[in-house]
Amino acid sequence: MTTVAKQRARSTQRTDGPRPPRDPKRRALGIDRRPGFLTYGILIVIFVGGAYPLWWSAVAGSSDSTVLTATWPPLLPGGQFWKNVGEVLGTVPFWQALGNSIIVSTVITASVVLFSTLAGYAFAKLRFRGREGLMVFVIATLAVPTQLGIIPLFMVMKQFGWTGTLGAVIVPTLVTAFGVFFMRQYLVDVIPEELIEAARVDGANMIRTFWHVGVPAARPAMAILGLFTFMTAWTDYLWPLLVAPQNPTLQVALSQLQSAKYVDYSIVLAGAVLATIPLLILFVLAGRQLVSGIMAGAVKG
């Protein structure tokens, strides 16, 4: 028998041999089962329900105000979008507000991801006195409504002389309790203690261990936290309106479109579409990396 024939016989034996039994736990959880029509139907309904408000904003923002009172509203965008955009740019300081929003959202996102990862790693993997009590205190702050701290926080910003500046918008949200809790819950299981001990045996100090062991393991969670933090900072309205109305972010500037007695909602919705475009671009650019990071973080040996 030739070498090729032997290889074919071996491959046939491997193919025709008995298959390994399926794991009953995987079968009970439905992991091995392919999604059916019901699953795809539910996903389509969720997708349409989430995308329809944005699509309707684009339709109304590209038409005149009569589209809002029509018996049968159109399903396709009109031809007045750029005209309405021109009205938005001529009414509010759009470009200044856009630059302010980019600065605020970027700085807040970078700070929250950095400090939350540092604190989460410390709470998850370092042993120090009062660790559990401090973690409980951080979690307890999540139960305090944000509105209760607005007045004291505004008074502090006024004493510092920061009112009317972007610093007053950025500094109070440089780190969040949710970010610390989220990173701690992720890192407590994803980093084995043996890996940290090996880094210490090799002579790595605490910061180097965090940088070479903690950060690579935390990248999927950092991507998720960064994305949601950027969205939260971009859409924030109440605090920037109170502390810096004369130096507005994009959401505060667009609210000026509704300050008159007569509100042209087609122009308002055109401004809302403009404010949503940067978020859509962010999702398009970071969506694949985000999903791949989640899948990489979900794989365990």
Protein backbone atom coordinates (compact mmCIF):
# COMPACT_ATOMS: atom_id res chain seq x y z
CA MET A 1 0.00 0.00 0.00
CA THR A 2 1.35 3.37 -0.97
CA THR A 3 1.80 6.29 1.42
CA VAL A 4 -1.15 8.19 -0.09
CA ALA A 5 -3.44 5.19 0.32
CA LYS A 6 -2.40 4.78 3.96
CA GLN A 7 -3.19 8.45 4.67
CA ARG A 8 -6.61 8.09 3.04
CA ALA A 9 -7.35 4.99 5.09
CA ARG A 10 -6.39 6.76 8.29
CA SER A 11 -8.54 9.79 7.46
CA THR A 12 -11.46 7.46 6.65
CA GLN A 13 -11.07 5.71 9.97
CA ARG A 14 -11.02 9.01 11.82
CA THR A 15 -14.10 10.22 9.94
CA ASP A 16 -16.11 7.00 10.26
CA GLY A 17 -15.21 6.42 13.88
CA PRO A 18 -17.65 7.03 16.71
CA ARG A 19 -18.24 10.66 17.53
CA PRO A 20 -17.57 11.84 21.06
CA PRO A 21 -20.71 12.16 23.15
CA ARG A 22 -22.16 15.62 23.54
CA ASP A 23 -21.77 17.39 26.81
CA PRO A 24 -25.16 17.25 28.61
CA LYS A 25 -24.51 20.66 30.18
CA ARG A 26 -23.97 22.28 26.78
CA ARG A 27 -27.09 20.54 25.47
CA ALA A 28 -29.15 21.72 28.47
CA LEU A 29 -28.00 25.30 27.97
CA GLY A 30 -28.71 25.14 24.25
CA ILE A 31 -25.13 25.98 23.27
CA ASP A 32 -24.97 23.31 20.55
CA ARG A 33 -28.38 24.23 19.13
CA ARG A 34 -28.50 26.46 16.07
CA PRO A 35 -30.78 29.53 16.25
CA GLY A 36 -34.14 29.10 14.59
CA PHE A 37 -36.69 31.37 12.95
CA LEU A 38 -38.04 32.53 16.32
CA THR A 39 -34.61 33.77 17.41
CA TYR A 40 -34.03 35.63 14.17
CA GLY A 41 -37.55 37.05 14.31
CA ILE A 42 -37.01 38.45 17.81
CA LEU A 43 -33.67 39.95 16.76
CA ILE A 44 -35.27 41.59 13.72
CA VAL A 45 -38.05 43.08 15.86
CA ILE A 46 -35.48 44.45 18.34
CA PHE A 47 -33.38 45.88 15.50
CA VAL A 48 -36.36 47.58 13.84
CA GLY A 49 -37.60 48.96 17.16
CA GLY A 50 -34.18 50.41 17.95
CA ALA A 51 -33.47 51.80 14.47
CA TYR A 52 -36.91 53.27 13.75
CA PRO A 53 -36.59 56.39 15.98
CA LEU A 54 -33.33 57.34 14.28
CA TRP A 55 -34.80 56.65 10.84
CA TRP A 56 -37.89 58.74 11.64
CA SER A 57 -35.65 61.59 12.83
CA ALA A 58 -33.80 61.44 9.51
CA VAL A 59 -37.11 61.43 7.59
CA ALA A 60 -38.57 64.35 9.54
CA GLY A 61 -35.26 66.23 9.54
CA SER A 62 -35.10 66.09 5.75
CA SER A 63 -38.66 67.42 5.26
CA ASP A 64 -40.67 70.41 6.38
CA SER A 65 -42.82 70.70 9.50
CA THR A 66 -45.96 69.48 7.71
CA VAL A 67 -44.64 65.92 7.75
CA LEU A 68 -45.33 65.74 11.49
CA THR A 69 -49.04 66.41 11.02
CA ALA A 70 -49.54 64.22 7.96
CA THR A 71 -52.08 61.41 8.20
CA TRP A 72 -49.72 59.02 6.47
CA PRO A 73 -46.16 60.08 7.24
CA PRO A 74 -43.58 59.26 4.55
CA LEU A 75 -41.18 56.38 4.94
CA LEU A 76 -38.39 57.85 2.81
CA PRO A 77 -36.32 60.99 3.54
CA GLY A 78 -37.20 64.23 1.76
CA GLY A 79 -34.99 66.67 -0.07
CA GLN A 80 -34.66 69.48 2.48
CA PHE A 81 -32.05 67.98 4.78
CA TRP A 82 -29.23 70.31 3.78
CA LYS A 83 -31.55 73.30 3.99
CA ASN A 84 -32.49 72.32 7.54
CA VAL A 85 -28.82 71.73 8.34
CA GLY A 86 -28.07 75.25 7.14
CA GLU A 87 -30.75 76.55 9.52
CA VAL A 88 -29.14 74.64 12.38
CA LEU A 89 -25.66 75.97 11.59
CA GLY A 90 -26.99 79.52 11.33
CA THR A 91 -28.99 79.39 14.57
CA VAL A 92 -26.64 77.78 17.09
CA PRO A 93 -22.81 77.74 17.49
CA PHE A 94 -22.68 74.22 16.13
CA TRP A 95 -18.95 73.87 15.38
CA GLN A 96 -17.88 75.31 18.72
CA ALA A 97 -20.30 73.01 20.52
CA LEU A 98 -19.10 70.03 18.47
CA GLY A 99 -15.48 70.72 19.41
CA ASN A 100 -16.44 71.09 23.08
CA SER A 101 -18.31 67.78 23.02
CA ILE A 102 -15.38 65.98 21.40
CA ILE A 103 -12.95 67.38 24.01
CA VAL A 104 -15.24 66.62 26.96
CA SER A 105 -16.19 63.10 25.82
CA THR A 106 -12.64 62.10 24.89
CA VAL A 107 -11.04 63.33 28.12
CA ILE A 108 -13.77 61.80 30.30
CA THR A 109 -13.58 58.46 28.48
CA ALA A 110 -9.79 58.21 28.74
CA SER A 111 -9.84 59.19 32.42
CA VAL A 112 -12.67 56.85 33.40
CA VAL A 113 -11.11 53.88 31.61
CA LEU A 114 -7.66 54.51 33.14
CA PHE A 115 -8.71 55.16 36.73
CA SER A 116 -11.44 52.51 36.73
CA THR A 117 -8.99 49.89 35.47
CA LEU A 118 -6.43 50.86 38.10
CA ALA A 119 -8.98 50.80 40.92
CA GLY A 120 -10.66 47.65 39.63
CA TYR A 121 -7.32 45.84 39.47
CA ALA A 122 -6.46 46.96 43.00
CA PHE A 123 -9.80 45.80 44.43
CA ALA A 124 -9.65 42.52 42.51
CA LYS A 125 -6.04 41.38 42.94
CA LEU A 126 -4.31 43.38 45.68
CA ARG A 127 -4.63 42.59 49.37
CA PHE A 128 -4.85 45.63 51.65
CA ARG A 129 -6.65 46.60 54.83
CA GLY A 130 -10.21 47.82 54.36
CA ARG A 131 -10.54 46.53 50.81
CA GLU A 132 -13.98 45.01 51.26
CA GLY A 133 -15.32 48.02 53.16
CA LEU A 134 -14.11 50.45 50.52
CA MET A 135 -15.67 48.34 47.78
CA VAL A 136 -18.99 48.33 49.61
CA PHE A 137 -18.77 52.11 49.94
CA VAL A 138 -18.12 52.48 46.20
CA ILE A 139 -21.13 50.29 45.40
CA ALA A 140 -23.28 52.22 47.90
CA THR A 141 -22.61 55.48 46.05
CA LEU A 142 -24.44 54.01 43.04
CA ALA A 143 -27.66 54.19 45.07
CA VAL A 144 -27.37 57.97 45.48
CA PRO A 145 -29.26 59.83 42.72
CA THR A 146 -27.07 62.12 40.66
CA GLN A 147 -29.52 64.99 41.06
CA LEU A 148 -28.86 65.16 44.82
CA GLY A 149 -25.25 66.19 44.26
CA ILE A 150 -25.82 68.83 41.60
CA ILE A 151 -26.28 71.81 43.93
CA PRO A 152 -23.28 71.06 46.24
CA LEU A 153 -21.15 70.26 43.20
CA PHE A 154 -22.15 73.51 41.52
CA MET A 155 -21.20 75.44 44.68
CA VAL A 156 -17.78 73.75 44.72
CA MET A 157 -17.20 74.60 41.06
CA LYS A 158 -18.19 78.21 41.76
CA GLN A 159 -15.75 78.46 44.67
CA PHE A 160 -12.98 77.17 42.41
CA GLY A 161 -13.93 79.71 39.76
CA TRP A 162 -14.50 77.02 37.15
CA THR A 163 -18.09 77.81 36.20
CA GLY A 164 -18.41 78.52 32.50
CA THR A 165 -15.39 76.38 31.60
CA LEU A 166 -15.08 72.88 30.22
CA GLY A 167 -13.08 71.89 33.29
CA ALA A 168 -16.22 72.13 35.41
CA VAL A 169 -17.91 69.68 33.03
CA ILE A 170 -14.99 67.24 32.93
CA VAL A 171 -13.58 67.09 36.47
CA PRO A 172 -16.66 65.70 38.35
CA THR A 173 -16.81 62.68 36.03
CA LEU A 174 -13.12 61.77 35.74
CA VAL A 175 -13.91 58.45 37.47
CA THR A 176 -17.20 56.70 38.11
CA ALA A 177 -18.30 54.18 40.72
CA PHE A 178 -19.87 52.03 38.03
CA GLY A 179 -16.60 51.89 36.11
CA VAL A 180 -14.68 50.76 39.20
CA PHE A 181 -17.28 48.12 40.02
CA PHE A 182 -17.45 46.90 36.43
CA MET A 183 -13.68 46.52 36.06
CA ARG A 184 -13.36 44.85 39.46
CA GLN A 185 -16.01 42.26 38.61
CA TYR A 186 -14.31 41.53 35.31
CA LEU A 187 -10.73 41.28 36.58
CA VAL A 188 -11.48 39.22 39.68
CA ASP A 189 -11.89 36.04 37.58
CA VAL A 190 -10.06 36.74 34.33
CA ILE A 191 -6.56 37.07 35.83
CA PRO A 192 -5.25 33.98 37.61
CA GLU A 193 -3.23 34.49 40.76
CA GLU A 194 -0.48 32.27 39.39
CA LEU A 195 0.14 34.72 36.55
CA ILE A 196 0.62 37.61 38.97
CA GLU A 197 2.92 35.52 41.17
CA ALA A 198 4.98 34.57 38.12
CA ALA A 199 5.38 38.24 37.19
CA ARG A 200 6.53 39.04 40.72
CA VAL A 201 9.02 36.16 40.68
CA ASP A 202 10.45 37.58 37.45
CA GLY A 203 11.13 40.84 39.28
CA ALA A 204 8.21 42.97 38.05
CA ASN A 205 7.00 45.64 40.45
CA MET A 206 3.34 46.47 41.04
CA ILE A 207 2.97 48.99 38.20
CA ARG A 208 4.81 46.79 35.71
CA THR A 209 2.67 43.80 36.70
CA PHE A 210 -0.46 45.86 36.14
CA TRP A 211 0.76 47.11 32.76
CA HIS A 212 1.94 43.75 31.39
CA VAL A 213 -0.60 41.44 33.06
CA GLY A 214 -3.65 43.46 34.05
CA VAL A 215 -4.06 45.72 31.02
CA PRO A 216 -3.88 42.97 28.34
CA ALA A 217 -6.44 40.92 30.24
CA ALA A 218 -8.69 43.95 30.79
CA ARG A 219 -8.77 45.19 27.17
CA PRO A 220 -12.21 43.72 26.28
CA ALA A 221 -13.81 45.28 29.37
CA MET A 222 -11.92 48.54 28.78
CA ALA A 223 -13.35 48.72 25.26
CA ILE A 224 -16.90 48.21 26.50
CA LEU A 225 -16.50 50.71 29.34
CA GLY A 226 -14.92 53.27 27.03
CA LEU A 227 -17.70 53.00 24.48
CA PHE A 228 -20.49 53.42 27.00
CA THR A 229 -18.65 56.20 28.83
CA PHE A 230 -18.19 58.12 25.57
CA MET A 231 -21.90 57.74 24.79
CA THR A 232 -22.89 58.93 28.27
CA ALA A 233 -20.59 61.95 28.13
CA TRP A 234 -21.68 62.81 24.58
CA THR A 235 -25.40 62.77 25.41
CA ASP A 236 -25.13 64.45 28.83
CA TYR A 237 -27.32 67.53 28.99
CA LEU A 238 -28.25 68.60 32.54
CA TRP A 239 -24.81 69.18 34.11
CA PRO A 240 -23.26 71.02 31.12
CA LEU A 241 -26.39 73.19 30.92
CA LEU A 242 -26.07 74.22 34.57
CA VAL A 243 -22.33 74.76 34.88
CA ALA A 244 -21.30 76.05 31.43
CA PRO A 245 -24.27 77.35 29.40
CA GLN A 246 -22.15 80.07 27.75
CA ASN A 247 -19.58 77.49 26.61
CA PRO A 248 -22.02 74.82 25.47
CA THR A 249 -21.59 71.24 24.46
CA LEU A 250 -23.50 69.93 21.45
CA GLN A 251 -26.59 68.84 23.36
CA VAL A 252 -26.88 72.20 25.13
CA ALA A 253 -26.43 74.12 21.88
CA LEU A 254 -29.10 72.09 20.09
CA SER A 255 -31.55 72.78 22.89
CA GLN A 256 -31.50 76.43 21.79
CA LEU A 257 -33.43 75.37 18.68
CA GLN A 258 -36.50 74.97 20.91
CA SER A 259 -36.20 78.27 22.79
CA ALA A 260 -38.58 80.24 20.54
CA LYS A 261 -42.37 80.29 20.81
CA TYR A 262 -42.72 78.50 17.49
CA VAL A 263 -40.58 75.38 17.26
CA ASP A 264 -39.80 73.94 13.85
CA TYR A 265 -39.33 70.31 14.75
CA SER A 266 -37.93 69.41 11.36
CA ILE A 267 -34.94 71.65 12.13
CA VAL A 268 -34.70 70.26 15.65
CA LEU A 269 -34.65 66.69 14.33
CA ALA A 270 -32.08 67.63 11.70
CA GLY A 271 -29.85 68.84 14.53
CA ALA A 272 -30.49 65.61 16.43
CA VAL A 273 -29.38 63.61 13.39
CA LEU A 274 -26.19 65.69 13.16
CA ALA A 275 -25.48 65.01 16.84
CA THR A 276 -25.99 61.27 16.31
CA ILE A 277 -23.67 60.92 13.31
CA PRO A 278 -20.41 60.93 15.40
CA LEU A 279 -21.76 58.11 17.56
CA LEU A 280 -22.66 56.08 14.48
CA ILE A 281 -19.17 56.62 13.09
CA LEU A 282 -17.70 55.47 16.40
CA PHE A 283 -19.79 52.30 16.34
CA VAL A 284 -18.77 51.56 12.75
CA LEU A 285 -15.06 52.04 13.50
CA ALA A 286 -14.98 50.30 16.87
CA GLY A 287 -17.76 47.74 16.47
CA ARG A 288 -15.64 44.95 15.02
CA GLN A 289 -12.82 45.49 17.50
CA LEU A 290 -15.36 45.58 20.32
CA VAL A 291 -16.98 42.29 19.34
CA SER A 292 -13.63 40.58 18.76
CA GLY A 293 -12.43 41.82 22.14
CA ILE A 294 -15.54 40.46 23.85
CA MET A 295 -15.11 37.08 22.16
CA ALA A 296 -11.41 36.98 23.08
CA GLY A 297 -12.22 37.77 26.69
CA ALA A 298 -14.91 35.09 26.78
CA VAL A 299 -12.49 32.29 25.75
CA LYS A 300 -11.10 30.46 28.78
CA GLY A 301 -8.73 27.55 28.87
